Amino acid sequence: MTGLRLIVGLGNPGAEHAKTRHNAGFRFVDTLAAREGVRFGLESRLFGETAKVVIAGQPIWLLRPSTYMNLSGKSVAAALRYWKIEPEQALLAHDELDLAPGTARLKFDGGHGGQNGLRDTIAHLGHGRFHRLRIGIGHPGHKDRVTGWVLGKPGKDDEILIGRAIDDALDVLPLAVQGDFMEAMKRLHTARE
């Protein structure tokens, strides 16, 4: 399997959303960009902000859609077309209700699991054959409370755990970039168990 050429962080733009659980994907690419010393710049043709990093010797595009979560697919599809990247070479980082804070999981293909950024991306591409980095944010316990939960800010402990999961995912990212997803998964999925 080919490695990665594009990493997309899913989230909502704007200061009011910056620290919310729903923006775990933005937090992932922001942390990566900060580690690599690069800044995002607006790319209106791609309906988002972009940056470029080199990981494991490979140039990788980073994308933060500025379309709001529910319309993320418009930005993802535009970037894939513009940079001539196959969906299989893309990793979408997003918040995941079904995983506890402190947990991150890599996955390839599948449905959207109720995540609206994934839902819109799958609608635009016509399939789900791309990589996902699922960053656990925990579940509020009842589906009626989900919206307020994802759009709310995590408590101090959860904030630390989410940051730790992002660090764990960044540690295995070079393996994923090189196309060694099985080893990346193995290491990530056994981190801190």
N, C-alpha and C. Protein backbone atom coordinates (compact mmCIF):
# COMPACT_ATOMS: atom_id res chain seq x y z
N MET A 1 0.85 -1.20 0.00
CA MET A 1 0.00 0.00 0.00
C MET A 1 0.89 1.25 0.00
N THR A 2 0.48 2.24 -0.75
CA THR A 2 1.26 3.47 -0.82
C THR A 2 1.15 4.22 0.50
N GLY A 3 2.10 5.09 0.73
CA GLY A 3 2.10 5.89 1.95
C GLY A 3 1.19 7.11 1.82
N LEU A 4 1.42 8.05 2.70
CA LEU A 4 0.57 9.25 2.76
C LEU A 4 1.19 10.42 2.02
N ARG A 5 0.32 11.24 1.41
CA ARG A 5 0.76 12.50 0.81
C ARG A 5 -0.02 13.69 1.35
N LEU A 6 -1.15 13.41 2.01
CA LEU A 6 -2.02 14.48 2.52
C LEU A 6 -2.55 14.09 3.89
N ILE A 7 -2.46 15.03 4.83
CA ILE A 7 -3.05 14.84 6.16
C ILE A 7 -4.04 15.98 6.38
N VAL A 8 -5.28 15.62 6.63
CA VAL A 8 -6.34 16.60 6.83
C VAL A 8 -6.77 16.56 8.29
N GLY A 9 -6.83 17.73 8.90
CA GLY A 9 -7.41 17.82 10.24
C GLY A 9 -8.84 18.31 10.08
N LEU A 10 -9.79 17.59 10.66
CA LEU A 10 -11.18 18.02 10.58
C LEU A 10 -11.53 18.84 11.82
N GLY A 11 -12.26 19.93 11.59
CA GLY A 11 -12.66 20.78 12.70
C GLY A 11 -13.51 21.93 12.20
N ASN A 12 -13.83 22.83 13.10
CA ASN A 12 -14.58 24.03 12.76
C ASN A 12 -13.68 25.25 12.91
N PRO A 13 -13.69 26.16 11.92
CA PRO A 13 -12.85 27.36 12.03
C PRO A 13 -13.41 28.34 13.06
N GLY A 14 -12.57 29.25 13.50
CA GLY A 14 -13.04 30.30 14.40
C GLY A 14 -12.58 30.07 15.83
N ALA A 15 -12.27 31.17 16.52
CA ALA A 15 -11.74 31.12 17.88
C ALA A 15 -12.69 30.41 18.84
N GLU A 16 -13.99 30.56 18.60
CA GLU A 16 -14.97 29.98 19.54
C GLU A 16 -14.96 28.45 19.50
N HIS A 17 -14.43 27.88 18.43
CA HIS A 17 -14.39 26.41 18.30
C HIS A 17 -13.02 25.83 18.62
N ALA A 18 -12.03 26.72 18.77
CA ALA A 18 -10.62 26.28 18.79
C ALA A 18 -10.34 25.16 19.79
N LYS A 19 -10.88 25.25 20.98
CA LYS A 19 -10.51 24.29 22.03
C LYS A 19 -11.57 23.21 22.27
N THR A 20 -12.53 23.08 21.34
CA THR A 20 -13.60 22.11 21.55
C THR A 20 -13.16 20.69 21.21
N ARG A 21 -13.90 19.72 21.72
CA ARG A 21 -13.61 18.31 21.44
C ARG A 21 -13.67 18.04 19.94
N HIS A 22 -14.63 18.69 19.26
CA HIS A 22 -14.86 18.45 17.83
C HIS A 22 -13.64 18.84 17.00
N ASN A 23 -12.76 19.67 17.56
CA ASN A 23 -11.59 20.15 16.82
C ASN A 23 -10.33 19.33 17.09
N ALA A 24 -10.49 18.11 17.56
CA ALA A 24 -9.33 17.25 17.83
C ALA A 24 -8.50 17.06 16.56
N GLY A 25 -9.16 17.00 15.39
CA GLY A 25 -8.44 16.84 14.12
C GLY A 25 -7.58 18.05 13.79
N PHE A 26 -8.14 19.25 14.00
CA PHE A 26 -7.36 20.48 13.82
C PHE A 26 -6.17 20.47 14.78
N ARG A 27 -6.44 20.06 16.00
CA ARG A 27 -5.38 20.05 17.01
C ARG A 27 -4.22 19.14 16.58
N PHE A 28 -4.56 18.02 15.94
CA PHE A 28 -3.53 17.10 15.47
C PHE A 28 -2.63 17.76 14.43
N VAL A 29 -3.23 18.36 13.38
CA VAL A 29 -2.39 18.98 12.34
C VAL A 29 -1.69 20.24 12.86
N ASP A 30 -2.33 20.96 13.79
CA ASP A 30 -1.69 22.14 14.38
C ASP A 30 -0.45 21.74 15.18
N THR A 31 -0.57 20.64 15.94
CA THR A 31 0.56 20.15 16.74
C THR A 31 1.69 19.70 15.83
N LEU A 32 1.33 19.01 14.75
CA LEU A 32 2.32 18.56 13.77
C LEU A 32 3.03 19.76 13.13
N ALA A 33 2.26 20.74 12.69
CA ALA A 33 2.84 21.93 12.06
C ALA A 33 3.77 22.66 13.02
N ALA A 34 3.34 22.79 14.28
CA ALA A 34 4.16 23.47 15.28
C ALA A 34 5.48 22.73 15.51
N ARG A 35 5.41 21.41 15.58
CA ARG A 35 6.62 20.59 15.76
C ARG A 35 7.60 20.77 14.60
N GLU A 36 7.04 20.93 13.41
CA GLU A 36 7.87 21.04 12.20
C GLU A 36 8.24 22.49 11.90
N GLY A 37 7.70 23.43 12.69
CA GLY A 37 8.03 24.84 12.52
C GLY A 37 7.44 25.47 11.27
N VAL A 38 6.27 24.99 10.84
CA VAL A 38 5.62 25.58 9.66
C VAL A 38 4.31 26.25 10.07
N ARG A 39 3.89 27.20 9.23
CA ARG A 39 2.64 27.92 9.47
C ARG A 39 1.64 27.60 8.37
N PHE A 40 0.37 27.61 8.72
CA PHE A 40 -0.68 27.43 7.72
C PHE A 40 -0.94 28.75 6.99
N GLY A 41 -1.22 28.64 5.70
CA GLY A 41 -1.59 29.81 4.91
C GLY A 41 -2.91 29.53 4.20
N LEU A 42 -3.71 30.56 4.00
CA LEU A 42 -5.01 30.39 3.35
C LEU A 42 -4.84 30.02 1.88
N GLU A 43 -5.58 29.02 1.46
CA GLU A 43 -5.59 28.58 0.05
C GLU A 43 -7.06 28.53 -0.37
N SER A 44 -7.55 29.67 -0.90
CA SER A 44 -8.99 29.79 -1.15
C SER A 44 -9.50 28.76 -2.17
N ARG A 45 -8.66 28.38 -3.12
CA ARG A 45 -9.08 27.37 -4.12
C ARG A 45 -9.43 26.04 -3.46
N LEU A 46 -8.83 25.80 -2.30
CA LEU A 46 -9.03 24.52 -1.61
C LEU A 46 -9.96 24.66 -0.40
N PHE A 47 -10.55 25.84 -0.26
CA PHE A 47 -11.51 26.08 0.84
C PHE A 47 -10.90 25.72 2.20
N GLY A 48 -9.63 26.14 2.38
CA GLY A 48 -8.98 25.82 3.65
C GLY A 48 -7.61 26.44 3.77
N GLU A 49 -6.92 26.04 4.81
CA GLU A 49 -5.56 26.49 5.06
C GLU A 49 -4.63 25.31 4.82
N THR A 50 -3.46 25.58 4.25
CA THR A 50 -2.53 24.51 3.94
C THR A 50 -1.14 24.82 4.49
N ALA A 51 -0.38 23.76 4.66
CA ALA A 51 1.03 23.86 5.03
C ALA A 51 1.71 22.62 4.46
N LYS A 52 3.02 22.67 4.37
CA LYS A 52 3.77 21.53 3.85
C LYS A 52 4.87 21.16 4.83
N VAL A 53 4.97 19.86 5.11
CA VAL A 53 6.01 19.36 6.01
C VAL A 53 6.74 18.21 5.31
N VAL A 54 7.87 17.83 5.86
CA VAL A 54 8.57 16.64 5.37
C VAL A 54 8.63 15.65 6.53
N ILE A 55 8.07 14.46 6.30
CA ILE A 55 8.05 13.41 7.32
C ILE A 55 8.65 12.16 6.69
N ALA A 56 9.61 11.57 7.39
CA ALA A 56 10.28 10.36 6.89
C ALA A 56 10.78 10.58 5.45
N GLY A 57 11.26 11.78 5.19
CA GLY A 57 11.80 12.09 3.87
C GLY A 57 10.78 12.38 2.79
N GLN A 58 9.49 12.35 3.15
CA GLN A 58 8.42 12.55 2.17
C GLN A 58 7.76 13.92 2.37
N PRO A 59 7.54 14.67 1.28
CA PRO A 59 6.77 15.92 1.41
C PRO A 59 5.29 15.57 1.63
N ILE A 60 4.72 16.18 2.64
CA ILE A 60 3.32 15.92 3.01
C ILE A 60 2.57 17.24 3.09
N TRP A 61 1.41 17.30 2.44
CA TRP A 61 0.54 18.47 2.56
C TRP A 61 -0.33 18.32 3.79
N LEU A 62 -0.52 19.42 4.49
CA LEU A 62 -1.47 19.48 5.62
C LEU A 62 -2.61 20.40 5.20
N LEU A 63 -3.82 20.01 5.58
CA LEU A 63 -5.01 20.79 5.21
C LEU A 63 -5.92 20.95 6.41
N ARG A 64 -6.36 22.19 6.63
CA ARG A 64 -7.39 22.50 7.63
C ARG A 64 -8.56 23.12 6.86
N PRO A 65 -9.61 22.34 6.57
CA PRO A 65 -10.75 22.92 5.85
C PRO A 65 -11.34 24.09 6.63
N SER A 66 -11.72 25.15 5.91
CA SER A 66 -12.35 26.29 6.58
C SER A 66 -13.83 26.35 6.25
N THR A 67 -14.39 25.19 5.92
CA THR A 67 -15.79 25.09 5.47
C THR A 67 -16.77 24.77 6.58
N TYR A 68 -16.30 24.56 7.79
CA TYR A 68 -17.06 23.97 8.89
C TYR A 68 -17.16 22.46 8.66
N MET A 69 -17.22 21.77 9.76
CA MET A 69 -17.14 20.31 9.78
C MET A 69 -18.08 19.65 8.77
N ASN A 70 -19.34 20.09 8.76
CA ASN A 70 -20.36 19.40 7.95
C ASN A 70 -20.11 19.49 6.45
N LEU A 71 -19.22 20.41 6.04
CA LEU A 71 -18.95 20.60 4.61
C LEU A 71 -17.48 20.30 4.28
N SER A 72 -16.81 19.55 5.14
CA SER A 72 -15.38 19.26 4.97
C SER A 72 -15.05 18.60 3.65
N GLY A 73 -15.96 17.79 3.13
CA GLY A 73 -15.70 17.03 1.91
C GLY A 73 -15.37 17.91 0.72
N LYS A 74 -15.97 19.10 0.68
CA LYS A 74 -15.72 20.05 -0.41
C LYS A 74 -14.23 20.41 -0.46
N SER A 75 -13.65 20.67 0.70
CA SER A 75 -12.24 21.04 0.80
C SER A 75 -11.34 19.83 0.53
N VAL A 76 -11.68 18.68 1.11
CA VAL A 76 -10.87 17.46 0.93
C VAL A 76 -10.84 17.07 -0.55
N ALA A 77 -12.01 17.05 -1.19
CA ALA A 77 -12.09 16.66 -2.60
C ALA A 77 -11.31 17.64 -3.48
N ALA A 78 -11.40 18.94 -3.18
CA ALA A 78 -10.68 19.95 -3.96
C ALA A 78 -9.17 19.76 -3.83
N ALA A 79 -8.69 19.46 -2.61
CA ALA A 79 -7.26 19.27 -2.39
C ALA A 79 -6.75 18.02 -3.11
N LEU A 80 -7.51 16.93 -3.04
CA LEU A 80 -7.11 15.70 -3.73
C LEU A 80 -6.98 15.94 -5.23
N ARG A 81 -7.97 16.65 -5.79
CA ARG A 81 -7.93 16.96 -7.23
C ARG A 81 -6.76 17.87 -7.58
N TYR A 82 -6.61 18.92 -6.81
CA TYR A 82 -5.60 19.94 -7.10
C TYR A 82 -4.19 19.37 -7.03
N TRP A 83 -3.91 18.58 -6.01
CA TRP A 83 -2.57 18.02 -5.84
C TRP A 83 -2.42 16.65 -6.50
N LYS A 84 -3.48 16.18 -7.18
CA LYS A 84 -3.46 14.87 -7.84
C LYS A 84 -3.02 13.76 -6.88
N ILE A 85 -3.73 13.72 -5.78
CA ILE A 85 -3.47 12.73 -4.73
C ILE A 85 -4.65 11.76 -4.69
N GLU A 86 -4.35 10.48 -4.59
CA GLU A 86 -5.40 9.46 -4.47
C GLU A 86 -5.98 9.48 -3.06
N PRO A 87 -7.30 9.23 -2.90
CA PRO A 87 -7.87 9.18 -1.55
C PRO A 87 -7.12 8.22 -0.62
N GLU A 88 -6.60 7.11 -1.18
CA GLU A 88 -5.86 6.11 -0.38
C GLU A 88 -4.57 6.68 0.19
N GLN A 89 -4.14 7.85 -0.32
CA GLN A 89 -2.91 8.49 0.17
C GLN A 89 -3.21 9.61 1.16
N ALA A 90 -4.47 9.67 1.59
CA ALA A 90 -4.88 10.73 2.52
C ALA A 90 -5.22 10.15 3.89
N LEU A 91 -4.91 10.93 4.92
CA LEU A 91 -5.26 10.60 6.30
C LEU A 91 -6.13 11.72 6.84
N LEU A 92 -7.32 11.40 7.30
CA LEU A 92 -8.20 12.40 7.91
C LEU A 92 -8.21 12.19 9.41
N ALA A 93 -7.77 13.20 10.14
CA ALA A 93 -7.74 13.14 11.60
C ALA A 93 -9.04 13.77 12.12
N HIS A 94 -9.72 13.05 13.01
CA HIS A 94 -11.01 13.55 13.50
C HIS A 94 -11.28 13.08 14.93
N ASP A 95 -12.22 13.76 15.58
CA ASP A 95 -12.67 13.38 16.91
C ASP A 95 -13.52 12.12 16.81
N GLU A 96 -13.45 11.27 17.84
CA GLU A 96 -14.16 10.00 17.84
C GLU A 96 -14.86 9.78 19.17
N LEU A 97 -16.20 9.82 19.14
CA LEU A 97 -17.02 9.63 20.34
C LEU A 97 -16.85 8.25 20.96
N ASP A 98 -16.62 7.24 20.12
CA ASP A 98 -16.61 5.85 20.60
C ASP A 98 -15.28 5.42 21.20
N LEU A 99 -14.33 6.35 21.29
CA LEU A 99 -13.06 6.04 21.95
C LEU A 99 -12.87 6.97 23.14
N ALA A 100 -12.30 6.42 24.20
CA ALA A 100 -12.05 7.21 25.41
C ALA A 100 -10.93 8.23 25.15
N PRO A 101 -10.97 9.38 25.84
CA PRO A 101 -9.86 10.32 25.73
C PRO A 101 -8.55 9.61 26.09
N GLY A 102 -7.49 9.93 25.36
CA GLY A 102 -6.22 9.26 25.60
C GLY A 102 -5.97 8.13 24.61
N THR A 103 -7.00 7.82 23.82
CA THR A 103 -6.92 6.74 22.85
C THR A 103 -6.95 7.31 21.44
N ALA A 104 -6.07 6.80 20.59
CA ALA A 104 -6.10 7.16 19.16
C ALA A 104 -5.99 5.86 18.37
N ARG A 105 -6.71 5.78 17.27
CA ARG A 105 -6.72 4.57 16.46
C ARG A 105 -6.63 4.94 14.97
N LEU A 106 -5.84 4.16 14.25
CA LEU A 106 -5.78 4.31 12.80
C LEU A 106 -6.75 3.31 12.17
N LYS A 107 -7.34 3.72 11.06
CA LYS A 107 -8.31 2.87 10.39
C LYS A 107 -8.29 3.22 8.90
N PHE A 108 -8.57 2.24 8.07
CA PHE A 108 -8.70 2.50 6.63
C PHE A 108 -10.08 2.07 6.19
N ASP A 109 -10.72 2.91 5.39
CA ASP A 109 -12.01 2.60 4.78
C ASP A 109 -13.13 2.50 5.84
N GLY A 110 -14.34 2.29 5.39
CA GLY A 110 -15.48 2.15 6.29
C GLY A 110 -16.45 3.30 6.16
N GLY A 111 -17.42 3.31 7.06
CA GLY A 111 -18.45 4.34 7.05
C GLY A 111 -18.02 5.57 7.81
N HIS A 112 -19.00 6.43 8.10
CA HIS A 112 -18.68 7.69 8.79
C HIS A 112 -18.93 7.62 10.29
N GLY A 113 -19.67 6.61 10.74
CA GLY A 113 -19.92 6.47 12.17
C GLY A 113 -20.57 7.68 12.80
N GLY A 114 -21.34 8.44 12.01
CA GLY A 114 -22.00 9.62 12.54
C GLY A 114 -21.13 10.87 12.58
N GLN A 115 -19.85 10.76 12.17
CA GLN A 115 -18.96 11.93 12.17
C GLN A 115 -19.24 12.72 10.89
N ASN A 116 -19.72 13.97 11.05
CA ASN A 116 -20.21 14.73 9.89
C ASN A 116 -19.13 15.12 8.89
N GLY A 117 -17.92 15.33 9.35
CA GLY A 117 -16.83 15.63 8.42
C GLY A 117 -16.54 14.43 7.52
N LEU A 118 -16.55 13.24 8.11
CA LEU A 118 -16.36 12.01 7.33
C LEU A 118 -17.57 11.79 6.41
N ARG A 119 -18.76 12.04 6.94
CA ARG A 119 -19.98 11.84 6.16
C ARG A 119 -19.93 12.67 4.87
N ASP A 120 -19.54 13.94 5.00
CA ASP A 120 -19.50 14.83 3.84
C ASP A 120 -18.38 14.43 2.88
N THR A 121 -17.25 14.00 3.43
CA THR A 121 -16.13 13.58 2.58
C THR A 121 -16.52 12.35 1.77
N ILE A 122 -17.15 11.38 2.42
CA ILE A 122 -17.60 10.16 1.72
C ILE A 122 -18.62 10.52 0.65
N ALA A 123 -19.51 11.47 0.95
CA ALA A 123 -20.51 11.92 -0.04
C ALA A 123 -19.82 12.53 -1.27
N HIS A 124 -18.77 13.32 -1.03
CA HIS A 124 -18.06 13.95 -2.15
C HIS A 124 -17.24 12.96 -2.96
N LEU A 125 -16.61 11.99 -2.29
CA LEU A 125 -15.74 11.05 -2.99
C LEU A 125 -16.51 9.86 -3.57
N GLY A 126 -17.67 9.57 -2.98
CA GLY A 126 -18.45 8.41 -3.42
C GLY A 126 -17.98 7.11 -2.78
N HIS A 127 -17.05 7.21 -1.83
CA HIS A 127 -16.56 6.02 -1.11
C HIS A 127 -15.82 6.48 0.15
N GLY A 128 -15.39 5.51 0.96
CA GLY A 128 -14.68 5.84 2.19
C GLY A 128 -13.26 5.30 2.21
N ARG A 129 -12.67 5.11 1.02
CA ARG A 129 -11.35 4.49 0.96
C ARG A 129 -10.22 5.50 1.20
N PHE A 130 -10.16 5.96 2.42
CA PHE A 130 -9.07 6.83 2.86
C PHE A 130 -8.75 6.44 4.30
N HIS A 131 -7.60 6.87 4.78
CA HIS A 131 -7.18 6.54 6.14
C HIS A 131 -7.80 7.53 7.11
N ARG A 132 -8.07 7.03 8.31
CA ARG A 132 -8.60 7.90 9.36
C ARG A 132 -7.73 7.76 10.60
N LEU A 133 -7.53 8.87 11.28
CA LEU A 133 -6.95 8.86 12.61
C LEU A 133 -8.08 9.27 13.54
N ARG A 134 -8.54 8.31 14.33
CA ARG A 134 -9.68 8.54 15.24
C ARG A 134 -9.11 8.94 16.60
N ILE A 135 -9.38 10.17 17.00
CA ILE A 135 -8.87 10.69 18.27
C ILE A 135 -10.00 10.68 19.29
N GLY A 136 -9.84 9.85 20.31
CA GLY A 136 -10.92 9.65 21.28
C GLY A 136 -11.25 10.90 22.08
N ILE A 137 -12.56 11.20 22.16
CA ILE A 137 -13.02 12.32 22.99
C ILE A 137 -14.02 11.84 24.05
N GLY A 138 -14.32 10.52 24.03
CA GLY A 138 -15.29 10.00 24.97
C GLY A 138 -16.71 10.32 24.54
N HIS A 139 -17.65 9.71 25.24
CA HIS A 139 -19.08 9.87 24.92
C HIS A 139 -19.79 10.41 26.15
N PRO A 140 -20.74 11.34 25.96
CA PRO A 140 -21.43 11.92 27.13
C PRO A 140 -22.39 10.94 27.80
N GLY A 141 -22.63 9.78 27.18
CA GLY A 141 -23.49 8.78 27.81
C GLY A 141 -24.87 8.68 27.21
N HIS A 142 -25.33 9.73 26.53
CA HIS A 142 -26.65 9.69 25.89
C HIS A 142 -26.59 10.46 24.58
N LYS A 143 -27.24 9.91 23.55
CA LYS A 143 -27.14 10.54 22.22
C LYS A 143 -27.71 11.95 22.18
N ASP A 144 -28.66 12.26 23.05
CA ASP A 144 -29.24 13.61 23.08
C ASP A 144 -28.23 14.65 23.56
N ARG A 145 -27.17 14.20 24.22
CA ARG A 145 -26.18 15.15 24.75
C ARG A 145 -24.95 15.29 23.86
N VAL A 146 -24.92 14.56 22.73
CA VAL A 146 -23.73 14.52 21.89
C VAL A 146 -23.33 15.89 21.33
N THR A 147 -24.30 16.64 20.79
CA THR A 147 -23.96 17.92 20.15
C THR A 147 -23.27 18.87 21.12
N GLY A 148 -23.85 19.04 22.28
CA GLY A 148 -23.25 19.91 23.30
C GLY A 148 -21.89 19.41 23.74
N TRP A 149 -21.75 18.08 23.79
CA TRP A 149 -20.48 17.46 24.19
C TRP A 149 -19.37 17.75 23.18
N VAL A 150 -19.63 17.45 21.90
CA VAL A 150 -18.57 17.63 20.91
C VAL A 150 -18.21 19.10 20.72
N LEU A 151 -19.21 19.99 20.87
CA LEU A 151 -18.95 21.42 20.69
C LEU A 151 -18.47 22.09 21.97
N GLY A 152 -18.37 21.30 23.05
CA GLY A 152 -17.88 21.83 24.33
C GLY A 152 -16.38 21.59 24.48
N LYS A 153 -15.83 22.26 25.50
CA LYS A 153 -14.40 22.09 25.76
C LYS A 153 -14.20 20.96 26.77
N PRO A 154 -13.18 20.12 26.54
CA PRO A 154 -12.93 19.05 27.50
C PRO A 154 -12.41 19.60 28.82
N GLY A 155 -12.65 18.87 29.90
CA GLY A 155 -12.10 19.23 31.21
C GLY A 155 -10.58 19.06 31.18
N LYS A 156 -9.93 19.49 32.26
CA LYS A 156 -8.47 19.51 32.30
C LYS A 156 -7.88 18.11 32.07
N ASP A 157 -8.43 17.11 32.74
CA ASP A 157 -7.88 15.75 32.60
C ASP A 157 -8.03 15.22 31.18
N ASP A 158 -9.23 15.40 30.62
CA ASP A 158 -9.47 14.95 29.24
C ASP A 158 -8.59 15.70 28.25
N GLU A 159 -8.40 16.98 28.51
CA GLU A 159 -7.54 17.82 27.66
C GLU A 159 -6.13 17.23 27.58
N ILE A 160 -5.61 16.84 28.74
CA ILE A 160 -4.27 16.23 28.82
C ILE A 160 -4.26 14.89 28.07
N LEU A 161 -5.30 14.09 28.27
CA LEU A 161 -5.38 12.77 27.63
C LEU A 161 -5.48 12.88 26.11
N ILE A 162 -6.26 13.84 25.63
CA ILE A 162 -6.38 14.04 24.18
C ILE A 162 -5.02 14.45 23.61
N GLY A 163 -4.32 15.32 24.32
CA GLY A 163 -2.98 15.74 23.90
C GLY A 163 -2.01 14.56 23.84
N ARG A 164 -2.15 13.65 24.81
CA ARG A 164 -1.30 12.47 24.87
C ARG A 164 -1.58 11.54 23.68
N ALA A 165 -2.86 11.38 23.35
CA ALA A 165 -3.24 10.53 22.21
C ALA A 165 -2.67 11.12 20.91
N ILE A 166 -2.70 12.44 20.80
CA ILE A 166 -2.15 13.11 19.61
C ILE A 166 -0.64 12.87 19.54
N ASP A 167 0.04 12.97 20.68
CA ASP A 167 1.48 12.70 20.71
C ASP A 167 1.78 11.27 20.29
N ASP A 168 0.98 10.32 20.79
CA ASP A 168 1.17 8.91 20.43
C ASP A 168 1.00 8.72 18.92
N ALA A 169 -0.01 9.38 18.35
CA ALA A 169 -0.27 9.27 16.91
C ALA A 169 0.87 9.89 16.11
N LEU A 170 1.39 11.03 16.58
CA LEU A 170 2.52 11.67 15.88
C LEU A 170 3.76 10.79 15.91
N ASP A 171 3.92 10.04 16.99
CA ASP A 171 5.08 9.15 17.10
C ASP A 171 5.09 8.06 16.03
N VAL A 172 3.90 7.59 15.62
CA VAL A 172 3.84 6.51 14.62
C VAL A 172 3.62 7.05 13.20
N LEU A 173 3.45 8.37 13.09
CA LEU A 173 3.15 8.97 11.78
C LEU A 173 4.20 8.65 10.71
N PRO A 174 5.51 8.68 11.02
CA PRO A 174 6.49 8.34 9.98
C PRO A 174 6.25 6.95 9.36
N LEU A 175 5.83 6.00 10.16
CA LEU A 175 5.53 4.65 9.64
C LEU A 175 4.37 4.72 8.65
N ALA A 176 3.32 5.45 9.01
CA ALA A 176 2.15 5.57 8.13
C ALA A 176 2.53 6.29 6.84
N VAL A 177 3.34 7.33 6.96
CA VAL A 177 3.78 8.08 5.78
C VAL A 177 4.52 7.17 4.80
N GLN A 178 5.31 6.25 5.34
CA GLN A 178 6.08 5.32 4.50
C GLN A 178 5.24 4.16 3.99
N GLY A 179 3.98 4.09 4.42
CA GLY A 179 3.09 3.03 3.95
C GLY A 179 3.06 1.80 4.84
N ASP A 180 3.75 1.85 5.99
CA ASP A 180 3.75 0.71 6.90
C ASP A 180 2.65 0.88 7.94
N PHE A 181 1.40 0.80 7.45
CA PHE A 181 0.26 1.05 8.32
C PHE A 181 0.09 -0.03 9.39
N MET A 182 0.42 -1.27 9.04
CA MET A 182 0.25 -2.35 10.02
C MET A 182 1.12 -2.10 11.25
N GLU A 183 2.38 -1.72 11.02
CA GLU A 183 3.28 -1.45 12.14
C GLU A 183 2.84 -0.20 12.90
N ALA A 184 2.41 0.83 12.16
CA ALA A 184 1.92 2.05 12.80
C ALA A 184 0.73 1.73 13.70
N MET A 185 -0.21 0.93 13.19
CA MET A 185 -1.39 0.53 13.98
C MET A 185 -0.99 -0.25 15.21
N LYS A 186 -0.10 -1.22 15.00
CA LYS A 186 0.32 -2.08 16.11
C LYS A 186 0.88 -1.23 17.25
N ARG A 187 1.77 -0.31 16.89
CA ARG A 187 2.40 0.52 17.93
C ARG A 187 1.41 1.48 18.57
N LEU A 188 0.57 2.11 17.74
CA LEU A 188 -0.39 3.07 18.27
C LEU A 188 -1.44 2.38 19.15
N HIS A 189 -1.91 1.23 18.69
CA HIS A 189 -2.99 0.55 19.39
C HIS A 189 -2.54 -0.15 20.66
N THR A 190 -1.21 -0.27 20.84
CA THR A 190 -0.70 -0.84 22.09
C THR A 190 -0.04 0.21 22.96
N ALA A 191 -0.05 1.47 22.51
CA ALA A 191 0.55 2.55 23.30
C ALA A 191 -0.22 2.71 24.61
N ARG A 192 0.52 2.77 25.70
CA ARG A 192 -0.04 3.05 27.04
C ARG A 192 -1.14 2.09 27.47
N GLU A 193 -1.14 0.87 26.98
CA GLU A 193 -2.21 -0.05 27.41
C GLU A 193 -1.88 -0.67 28.74
